[in-house]
Amino acid sequence: MTGMGLRRRARRALERQLDYQRRKAETVRGREAEIIAEMIEHSGAVRDKLAAVRPIPSDARVLEVGSGAHGLIFFFEGAERVGVDPLADYYRTLFPVWQHRARTVAACGERLPFDDVSFDVVLCDNVVDHAENPRRIVEEITRVLAPGGLLYFTVNVHHVFYHWAATIHASWRALAIPLEIAPFADHTVHLTLDAARCLFVGLPLRLVQESDTIEAARREGRSVRARHAGDTLKRLFFKNARWEVIGVKTSET
């Protein structure tokens, strides 16, 4: 897929995400306490996983790439907490109850506006498959992470069938054929497990923990009653399995 094509898909994915979060902001009013409790639990669980690998100092500098509307960073303990998201300016207005808890910056993960080795912990939770250049985001994360620093990274992985389906969808959209399938419009790529692992090849990161939910996704797909063609496909080709990695930066370059 060409760079221009990926750029168009990334822009479209952002537009769709903003529309979705604007609608969601209307539904969360009055439920903020419930949502905050869930965010605290999720952030705490991730911090515990990282601390089990290497203690996190009280003065830790923490960055979340793709902090979004409900990111980990807003309730993640640290002396300095920064969230980066292209839609950050909108989210501060849409979700003011918790967005103020961290400094947020409107920027793309492919071009992080920070010096080298600026952070002790970097979080990136199910983000890169919505972006223009997933590999470049991982390179930028590695650049700003200090030696010995911790990375928490997740992304959804899929059967290779969905990679090819997404490629076909992108091709007909490029030809201005007015047929849009939401899962493919919301993502720039559908990564296989091998493709996700390749994002880290050659970088000074030691992956110390790795897990996935592929078998669980397969079981779920086989057990779901087929309501439409998408459910039928899931019986044959797993979708939306979570790949989770914890890494440690090994050097500055």
C-alpha atoms as a PDB file:
ATOM      1  CA  MET A   1       0.000   0.000   0.000  1.00  0.00           C
ATOM      2  CA  THR A   2       1.355   3.454  -0.919  1.00  0.00           C
ATOM      3  CA  GLY A   3       2.256   6.097   1.627  1.00  0.00           C
ATOM      4  CA  MET A   4      -0.449   8.352   0.240  1.00  0.00           C
ATOM      5  CA  GLY A   5      -3.006   5.583   0.620  1.00  0.00           C
ATOM      6  CA  LEU A   6      -2.022   4.976   4.228  1.00  0.00           C
ATOM      7  CA  ARG A   7      -2.178   8.698   4.901  1.00  0.00           C
ATOM      8  CA  ARG A   8      -5.735   8.878   3.570  1.00  0.00           C
ATOM      9  CA  ARG A   9      -6.767   5.856   5.618  1.00  0.00           C
ATOM     10  CA  ALA A  10      -5.184   7.273   8.774  1.00  0.00           C
ATOM     11  CA  ARG A  11      -6.999  10.579   8.267  1.00  0.00           C
ATOM     12  CA  ARG A  12     -10.286   8.757   7.712  1.00  0.00           C
ATOM     13  CA  ALA A  13      -9.740   6.614  10.810  1.00  0.00           C
ATOM     14  CA  LEU A  14      -9.187   9.772  12.878  1.00  0.00           C
ATOM     15  CA  GLU A  15     -12.354  11.362  11.534  1.00  0.00           C
ATOM     16  CA  ARG A  16     -14.371   8.280  12.398  1.00  0.00           C
ATOM     17  CA  GLN A  17     -12.810   8.064  15.859  1.00  0.00           C
ATOM     18  CA  LEU A  18     -13.674  11.678  16.625  1.00  0.00           C
ATOM     19  CA  ASP A  19     -17.279  11.137  15.496  1.00  0.00           C
ATOM     20  CA  TYR A  20     -17.489   8.065  17.727  1.00  0.00           C
ATOM     21  CA  GLN A  21     -16.066   9.837  20.792  1.00  0.00           C
ATOM     22  CA  ARG A  22     -18.367  12.824  20.327  1.00  0.00           C
ATOM     23  CA  ARG A  23     -21.337  10.463  20.460  1.00  0.00           C
ATOM     24  CA  LYS A  24     -19.854   8.626  23.421  1.00  0.00           C
ATOM     25  CA  ALA A  25     -19.354  11.865  25.368  1.00  0.00           C
ATOM     26  CA  GLU A  26     -23.119  12.304  25.377  1.00  0.00           C
ATOM     27  CA  THR A  27     -23.686   8.839  26.853  1.00  0.00           C
ATOM     28  CA  VAL A  28     -21.121   9.069  29.687  1.00  0.00           C
ATOM     29  CA  ARG A  29     -22.602  12.116  31.396  1.00  0.00           C
ATOM     30  CA  GLY A  30     -23.655  11.083  34.884  1.00  0.00           C
ATOM     31  CA  ARG A  31     -21.572   7.886  34.671  1.00  0.00           C
ATOM     32  CA  GLU A  32     -18.172   9.474  35.179  1.00  0.00           C
ATOM     33  CA  ALA A  33     -17.518   7.746  38.514  1.00  0.00           C
ATOM     34  CA  GLU A  34     -18.168   4.326  36.982  1.00  0.00           C
ATOM     35  CA  ILE A  35     -15.874   5.003  34.038  1.00  0.00           C
ATOM     36  CA  ILE A  36     -13.129   6.425  36.248  1.00  0.00           C
ATOM     37  CA  ALA A  37     -13.235   3.308  38.433  1.00  0.00           C
ATOM     38  CA  GLU A  38     -12.671   1.156  35.334  1.00  0.00           C
ATOM     39  CA  MET A  39      -9.828   3.391  34.171  1.00  0.00           C
ATOM     40  CA  ILE A  40      -8.139   3.241  37.587  1.00  0.00           C
ATOM     41  CA  GLU A  41      -8.377  -0.552  37.605  1.00  0.00           C
ATOM     42  CA  HIS A  42      -6.928  -0.877  34.099  1.00  0.00           C
ATOM     43  CA  SER A  43      -4.079   1.561  34.714  1.00  0.00           C
ATOM     44  CA  GLY A  44      -3.232  -0.096  38.018  1.00  0.00           C
ATOM     45  CA  ALA A  45      -3.143  -3.552  36.447  1.00  0.00           C
ATOM     46  CA  VAL A  46      -0.761  -2.379  33.717  1.00  0.00           C
ATOM     47  CA  ARG A  47       1.485  -0.617  36.226  1.00  0.00           C
ATOM     48  CA  ASP A  48       1.636  -3.780  38.343  1.00  0.00           C
ATOM     49  CA  LYS A  49       2.713  -5.809  35.300  1.00  0.00           C
ATOM     50  CA  LEU A  50       5.496  -3.368  34.541  1.00  0.00           C
ATOM     51  CA  ALA A  51       6.638  -3.093  38.158  1.00  0.00           C
ATOM     52  CA  ALA A  52       6.914  -6.894  38.315  1.00  0.00           C
ATOM     53  CA  VAL A  53       9.549  -6.680  35.572  1.00  0.00           C
ATOM     54  CA  ARG A  54      11.427  -3.692  36.957  1.00  0.00           C
ATOM     55  CA  PRO A  55      10.543  -1.329  39.838  1.00  0.00           C
ATOM     56  CA  ILE A  56       9.127   1.994  38.659  1.00  0.00           C
ATOM     57  CA  PRO A  57      10.704   4.943  40.531  1.00  0.00           C
ATOM     58  CA  SER A  58       8.458   7.478  42.225  1.00  0.00           C
ATOM     59  CA  ASP A  59       9.876  10.232  39.978  1.00  0.00           C
ATOM     60  CA  ALA A  60       9.186   8.280  36.776  1.00  0.00           C
ATOM     61  CA  ARG A  61       8.528  10.198  33.574  1.00  0.00           C
ATOM     62  CA  VAL A  62       5.620   8.436  31.853  1.00  0.00           C
ATOM     63  CA  LEU A  63       4.381   8.878  28.273  1.00  0.00           C
ATOM     64  CA  GLU A  64       1.371   7.336  26.597  1.00  0.00           C
ATOM     65  CA  VAL A  65       1.418   7.337  22.810  1.00  0.00           C
ATOM     66  CA  GLY A  66      -2.189   7.359  21.662  1.00  0.00           C
ATOM     67  CA  SER A  67      -3.698   8.389  24.997  1.00  0.00           C
ATOM     68  CA  GLY A  68      -7.089   8.858  23.377  1.00  0.00           C
ATOM     69  CA  ALA A  69     -10.240   9.626  25.292  1.00  0.00           C
ATOM     70  CA  HIS A  70      -9.794   7.074  28.109  1.00  0.00           C
ATOM     71  CA  GLY A  71      -6.083   6.294  28.142  1.00  0.00           C
ATOM     72  CA  LEU A  72      -3.929   4.613  30.747  1.00  0.00           C
ATOM     73  CA  ILE A  73      -2.004   7.790  31.483  1.00  0.00           C
ATOM     74  CA  PHE A  74      -4.790   9.584  33.341  1.00  0.00           C
ATOM     75  CA  PHE A  75      -4.579   7.295  36.365  1.00  0.00           C
ATOM     76  CA  PHE A  76      -1.054   5.928  35.988  1.00  0.00           C
ATOM     77  CA  GLU A  77       1.201   6.908  38.891  1.00  0.00           C
ATOM     78  CA  GLY A  78       4.230   8.999  37.953  1.00  0.00           C
ATOM     79  CA  ALA A  79       5.888  12.307  38.650  1.00  0.00           C
ATOM     80  CA  GLU A  80       5.481  13.464  35.055  1.00  0.00           C
ATOM     81  CA  ARG A  81       2.616  12.126  32.958  1.00  0.00           C
ATOM     82  CA  VAL A  82       2.137  13.034  29.316  1.00  0.00           C
ATOM     83  CA  GLY A  83      -0.364  11.787  26.764  1.00  0.00           C
ATOM     84  CA  VAL A  84       0.069  12.221  23.016  1.00  0.00           C
ATOM     85  CA  ASP A  85      -2.855  11.921  20.617  1.00  0.00           C
ATOM     86  CA  PRO A  86      -3.728  13.673  17.349  1.00  0.00           C
ATOM     87  CA  LEU A  87      -7.188  14.419  18.806  1.00  0.00           C
ATOM     88  CA  ALA A  88      -5.987  15.559  22.239  1.00  0.00           C
ATOM     89  CA  ASP A  89      -7.380  19.087  21.888  1.00  0.00           C
ATOM     90  CA  TYR A  90     -10.870  17.693  21.244  1.00  0.00           C
ATOM     91  CA  TYR A  91     -10.684  15.149  24.071  1.00  0.00           C
ATOM     92  CA  ARG A  92      -9.827  17.793  26.672  1.00  0.00           C
ATOM     93  CA  THR A  93     -13.180  19.402  25.894  1.00  0.00           C
ATOM     94  CA  LEU A  94     -15.196  16.212  25.477  1.00  0.00           C
ATOM     95  CA  PHE A  95     -13.947  14.459  28.646  1.00  0.00           C
ATOM     96  CA  PRO A  96     -12.781  17.205  31.037  1.00  0.00           C
ATOM     97  CA  VAL A  97     -13.397  15.198  34.230  1.00  0.00           C
ATOM     98  CA  TRP A  98     -10.248  13.091  33.769  1.00  0.00           C
ATOM     99  CA  GLN A  99      -8.344  14.558  30.825  1.00  0.00           C
ATOM    100  CA  HIS A 100      -6.900  17.269  33.070  1.00  0.00           C
ATOM    101  CA  ARG A 101      -5.106  14.639  35.167  1.00  0.00           C
ATOM    102  CA  ALA A 102      -2.238  14.454  32.658  1.00  0.00           C
ATOM    103  CA  ARG A 103      -0.630  16.889  30.264  1.00  0.00           C
ATOM    104  CA  THR A 104      -1.852  16.059  26.777  1.00  0.00           C
ATOM    105  CA  VAL A 105      -0.260  17.058  23.497  1.00  0.00           C
ATOM    106  CA  ALA A 106      -1.906  17.030  20.079  1.00  0.00           C
ATOM    107  CA  ALA A 107       0.659  15.209  17.953  1.00  0.00           C
ATOM    108  CA  CYS A 108       1.130  12.056  15.901  1.00  0.00           C
ATOM    109  CA  GLY A 109       3.011   9.051  17.211  1.00  0.00           C
ATOM    110  CA  GLU A 110       5.166   9.037  14.085  1.00  0.00           C
ATOM    111  CA  ARG A 111       6.618  12.421  15.100  1.00  0.00           C
ATOM    112  CA  LEU A 112       6.821  12.641  18.870  1.00  0.00           C
ATOM    113  CA  PRO A 113       7.689  16.207  19.986  1.00  0.00           C
ATOM    114  CA  PHE A 114      10.181  15.126  22.672  1.00  0.00           C
ATOM    115  CA  ASP A 115      13.936  14.820  23.011  1.00  0.00           C
ATOM    116  CA  ASP A 116      15.703  11.477  22.943  1.00  0.00           C
ATOM    117  CA  VAL A 117      15.592   9.366  26.150  1.00  0.00           C
ATOM    118  CA  SER A 118      12.950  11.649  27.709  1.00  0.00           C
ATOM    119  CA  PHE A 119      10.806   9.008  29.454  1.00  0.00           C
ATOM    120  CA  ASP A 120      11.236   6.118  31.869  1.00  0.00           C
ATOM    121  CA  VAL A 121       7.977   4.392  30.892  1.00  0.00           C
ATOM    122  CA  VAL A 122       6.138   4.469  27.568  1.00  0.00           C
ATOM    123  CA  LEU A 123       2.632   3.063  27.102  1.00  0.00           C
ATOM    124  CA  CYS A 124       1.000   2.305  23.752  1.00  0.00           C
ATOM    125  CA  ASP A 125      -2.280   0.467  24.161  1.00  0.00           C
ATOM    126  CA  ASN A 126      -4.026  -0.750  20.991  1.00  0.00           C
ATOM    127  CA  VAL A 127      -3.113   2.256  18.864  1.00  0.00           C
ATOM    128  CA  VAL A 128      -0.726   1.600  15.986  1.00  0.00           C
ATOM    129  CA  ASP A 129      -3.165  -0.191  13.668  1.00  0.00           C
ATOM    130  CA  HIS A 130      -5.160   3.056  13.437  1.00  0.00           C
ATOM    131  CA  ALA A 131      -2.117   5.101  12.412  1.00  0.00           C
ATOM    132  CA  GLU A 132      -0.298   5.959   9.210  1.00  0.00           C
ATOM    133  CA  ASN A 133       2.992   4.192   9.982  1.00  0.00           C
ATOM    134  CA  PRO A 134       3.026   1.625  12.822  1.00  0.00           C
ATOM    135  CA  ARG A 135       6.729   0.840  12.472  1.00  0.00           C
ATOM    136  CA  ARG A 136       7.638   4.519  12.662  1.00  0.00           C
ATOM    137  CA  ILE A 137       5.646   4.875  15.889  1.00  0.00           C
ATOM    138  CA  VAL A 138       7.591   2.014  17.471  1.00  0.00           C
ATOM    139  CA  GLU A 139      10.848   3.619  16.335  1.00  0.00           C
ATOM    140  CA  GLU A 140       9.806   6.926  17.911  1.00  0.00           C
ATOM    141  CA  ILE A 141       8.797   5.179  21.141  1.00  0.00           C
ATOM    142  CA  THR A 142      12.227   3.551  21.260  1.00  0.00           C
ATOM    143  CA  ARG A 143      13.934   6.901  20.650  1.00  0.00           C
ATOM    144  CA  VAL A 144      12.249   8.717  23.537  1.00  0.00           C
ATOM    145  CA  LEU A 145      12.544   5.802  25.983  1.00  0.00           C
ATOM    146  CA  ALA A 146      15.533   6.011  28.330  1.00  0.00           C
ATOM    147  CA  PRO A 147      17.982   3.086  28.561  1.00  0.00           C
ATOM    148  CA  GLY A 148      16.545   0.604  31.047  1.00  0.00           C
ATOM    149  CA  GLY A 149      13.105   2.131  30.546  1.00  0.00           C
ATOM    150  CA  LEU A 150       9.937   0.072  30.286  1.00  0.00           C
ATOM    151  CA  LEU A 151       7.545  -0.277  27.368  1.00  0.00           C
ATOM    152  CA  TYR A 152       3.971  -1.553  27.566  1.00  0.00           C
ATOM    153  CA  PHE A 153       2.580  -2.228  24.092  1.00  0.00           C
ATOM    154  CA  THR A 154      -0.578  -3.898  22.809  1.00  0.00           C
ATOM    155  CA  VAL A 155      -2.232  -4.236  19.423  1.00  0.00           C
ATOM    156  CA  ASN A 156      -4.980  -6.389  17.981  1.00  0.00           C
ATOM    157  CA  VAL A 157      -3.797  -9.126  15.621  1.00  0.00           C
ATOM    158  CA  HIS A 158      -5.838 -11.073  13.102  1.00  0.00           C
ATOM    159  CA  HIS A 159      -5.820 -13.995  10.709  1.00  0.00           C
ATOM    160  CA  VAL A 160      -4.059 -13.073   7.463  1.00  0.00           C
ATOM    161  CA  PHE A 161      -7.467 -13.174   5.729  1.00  0.00           C
ATOM    162  CA  TYR A 162      -8.296  -9.777   7.249  1.00  0.00           C
ATOM    163  CA  HIS A 163      -5.061  -8.254   6.000  1.00  0.00           C
ATOM    164  CA  TRP A 164      -6.014  -9.124   2.437  1.00  0.00           C
ATOM    165  CA  ALA A 165      -9.623  -8.073   2.946  1.00  0.00           C
ATOM    166  CA  ALA A 166      -8.447  -4.700   4.261  1.00  0.00           C
ATOM    167  CA  THR A 167      -6.155  -4.302   1.246  1.00  0.00           C
ATOM    168  CA  ILE A 168      -9.048  -4.956  -1.146  1.00  0.00           C
ATOM    169  CA  HIS A 169     -11.242  -2.520   0.803  1.00  0.00           C
ATOM    170  CA  ALA A 170      -8.551   0.169   0.521  1.00  0.00           C
ATOM    171  CA  SER A 171      -8.277  -0.424  -3.220  1.00  0.00           C
ATOM    172  CA  TRP A 172     -11.951   0.089  -3.959  1.00  0.00           C
ATOM    173  CA  ARG A 173     -12.063   3.147  -1.717  1.00  0.00           C
ATOM    174  CA  ALA A 174      -9.117   4.559  -3.685  1.00  0.00           C
ATOM    175  CA  LEU A 175     -11.234   4.105  -6.820  1.00  0.00           C
ATOM    176  CA  ALA A 176     -14.040   6.107  -5.144  1.00  0.00           C
ATOM    177  CA  ILE A 177     -16.353   3.102  -4.954  1.00  0.00           C
ATOM    178  CA  PRO A 178     -18.879   4.158  -2.261  1.00  0.00           C
ATOM    179  CA  LEU A 179     -18.802   0.949  -0.246  1.00  0.00           C
ATOM    180  CA  GLU A 180     -17.342   1.272   3.236  1.00  0.00           C
ATOM    181  CA  ILE A 181     -16.985  -1.517   5.799  1.00  0.00           C
ATOM    182  CA  ALA A 182     -16.578  -0.048   9.270  1.00  0.00           C
ATOM    183  CA  PRO A 183     -13.788  -2.283  10.704  1.00  0.00           C
ATOM    184  CA  PHE A 184     -11.603  -1.607   7.666  1.00  0.00           C
ATOM    185  CA  ALA A 185     -12.394   2.119   7.615  1.00  0.00           C
ATOM    186  CA  ASP A 186     -11.431   2.432  11.303  1.00  0.00           C
ATOM    187  CA  HIS A 187      -7.974   0.865  10.831  1.00  0.00           C
ATOM    188  CA  THR A 188      -5.067   1.506   8.496  1.00  0.00           C
ATOM    189  CA  VAL A 189      -3.782  -2.068   8.749  1.00  0.00           C
ATOM    190  CA  HIS A 190      -4.918  -5.441  10.064  1.00  0.00           C
ATOM    191  CA  LEU A 191      -1.747  -6.964  11.477  1.00  0.00           C
ATOM    192  CA  THR A 192      -0.989 -10.641  11.702  1.00  0.00           C
ATOM    193  CA  LEU A 193       0.979 -11.816  14.745  1.00  0.00           C
ATOM    194  CA  ASP A 194       4.156 -12.091  12.662  1.00  0.00           C
ATOM    195  CA  ALA A 195       3.666  -8.592  11.253  1.00  0.00           C
ATOM    196  CA  ALA A 196       3.204  -7.197  14.767  1.00  0.00           C
ATOM    197  CA  ARG A 197       6.423  -8.849  15.922  1.00  0.00           C
ATOM    198  CA  CYS A 198       8.253  -7.416  12.919  1.00  0.00           C
ATOM    199  CA  LEU A 199       7.517  -3.898  14.180  1.00  0.00           C
ATOM    200  CA  PHE A 200      10.274  -4.437  16.773  1.00  0.00           C
ATOM    201  CA  VAL A 201      12.928  -6.079  14.609  1.00  0.00           C
ATOM    202  CA  GLY A 202      16.335  -4.382  14.789  1.00  0.00           C
ATOM    203  CA  LEU A 203      15.411  -1.964  17.576  1.00  0.00           C
ATOM    204  CA  PRO A 204      17.221  -1.714  20.937  1.00  0.00           C
ATOM    205  CA  LEU A 205      14.335  -3.226  22.838  1.00  0.00           C
ATOM    206  CA  ARG A 206      14.413  -6.521  24.705  1.00  0.00           C
ATOM    207  CA  LEU A 207      10.942  -8.054  24.782  1.00  0.00           C
ATOM    208  CA  VAL A 208      10.789  -9.669  28.217  1.00  0.00           C
ATOM    209  CA  GLN A 209       7.128 -10.692  28.200  1.00  0.00           C
ATOM    210  CA  GLU A 210       4.793 -11.561  25.362  1.00  0.00           C
ATOM    211  CA  SER A 211       1.280 -13.005  25.300  1.00  0.00           C
ATOM    212  CA  ASP A 212      -1.685 -13.220  22.968  1.00  0.00           C
ATOM    213  CA  THR A 213      -5.332 -14.236  23.022  1.00  0.00           C
ATOM    214  CA  ILE A 214      -5.426 -15.950  19.635  1.00  0.00           C
ATOM    215  CA  GLU A 215      -6.771 -19.255  20.943  1.00  0.00           C
ATOM    216  CA  ALA A 216      -9.452 -17.444  22.946  1.00  0.00           C
ATOM    217  CA  ALA A 217     -10.428 -15.458  19.827  1.00  0.00           C
ATOM    218  CA  ARG A 218     -10.699 -18.690  17.853  1.00  0.00           C
ATOM    219  CA  ARG A 219     -12.904 -20.286  20.496  1.00  0.00           C
ATOM    220  CA  GLU A 220     -15.102 -17.207  20.684  1.00  0.00           C
ATOM    221  CA  GLY A 221     -15.500 -17.105  16.924  1.00  0.00           C
ATOM    222  CA  ARG A 222     -16.583 -20.741  16.817  1.00  0.00           C
ATOM    223  CA  SER A 223     -19.084 -20.254  19.641  1.00  0.00           C
ATOM    224  CA  VAL A 224     -20.818 -17.094  18.379  1.00  0.00           C
ATOM    225  CA  ARG A 225     -24.173 -17.572  16.704  1.00  0.00           C
ATOM    226  CA  ALA A 226     -23.823 -16.269  13.170  1.00  0.00           C
ATOM    227  CA  ARG A 227     -26.015 -13.167  12.853  1.00  0.00           C
ATOM    228  CA  HIS A 228     -24.354 -11.850   9.700  1.00  0.00           C
ATOM    229  CA  ALA A 229     -21.503 -12.579   7.292  1.00  0.00           C
ATOM    230  CA  GLY A 230     -18.907 -11.125   9.674  1.00  0.00           C
ATOM    231  CA  ASP A 231     -19.795 -13.661  12.361  1.00  0.00           C
ATOM    232  CA  THR A 232     -19.588 -16.474   9.842  1.00  0.00           C
ATOM    233  CA  LEU A 233     -16.107 -15.377   8.818  1.00  0.00           C
ATOM    234  CA  LYS A 234     -14.996 -15.324  12.454  1.00  0.00           C
ATOM    235  CA  ARG A 235     -15.816 -19.020  12.676  1.00  0.00           C
ATOM    236  CA  LEU A 236     -13.098 -19.626  10.096  1.00  0.00           C
ATOM    237  CA  PHE A 237     -10.651 -16.743  10.590  1.00  0.00           C
ATOM    238  CA  PHE A 238      -9.928 -15.367  14.059  1.00  0.00           C
ATOM    239  CA  LYS A 239     -10.184 -11.612  14.561  1.00  0.00           C
ATOM    240  CA  ASN A 240      -9.303  -9.079  17.263  1.00  0.00           C
ATOM    241  CA  ALA A 241      -6.876 -11.173  19.291  1.00  0.00           C
ATOM    242  CA  ARG A 242      -4.835  -9.075  21.711  1.00  0.00           C
ATOM    243  CA  TRP A 243      -1.021  -9.170  21.508  1.00  0.00           C
ATOM    244  CA  GLU A 244       0.634  -7.751  24.621  1.00  0.00           C
ATOM    245  CA  VAL A 245       4.333  -7.038  25.047  1.00  0.00           C
ATOM    246  CA  ILE A 246       6.517  -5.666  27.823  1.00  0.00           C
ATOM    247  CA  GLY A 247       9.941  -4.465  26.693  1.00  0.00           C
ATOM    248  CA  VAL A 248      13.058  -2.926  28.187  1.00  0.00           C
ATOM    249  CA  LYS A 249      15.214  -0.399  26.333  1.00  0.00           C
ATOM    250  CA  THR A 250      18.711  -1.843  26.017  1.00  0.00           C
ATOM    251  CA  SER A 251      20.688   1.137  24.743  1.00  0.00           C
ATOM    252  CA  GLU A 252      20.371   4.712  23.521  1.00  0.00           C
ATOM    253  CA  THR A 253      20.839   3.897  19.856  1.00  0.00           C
END
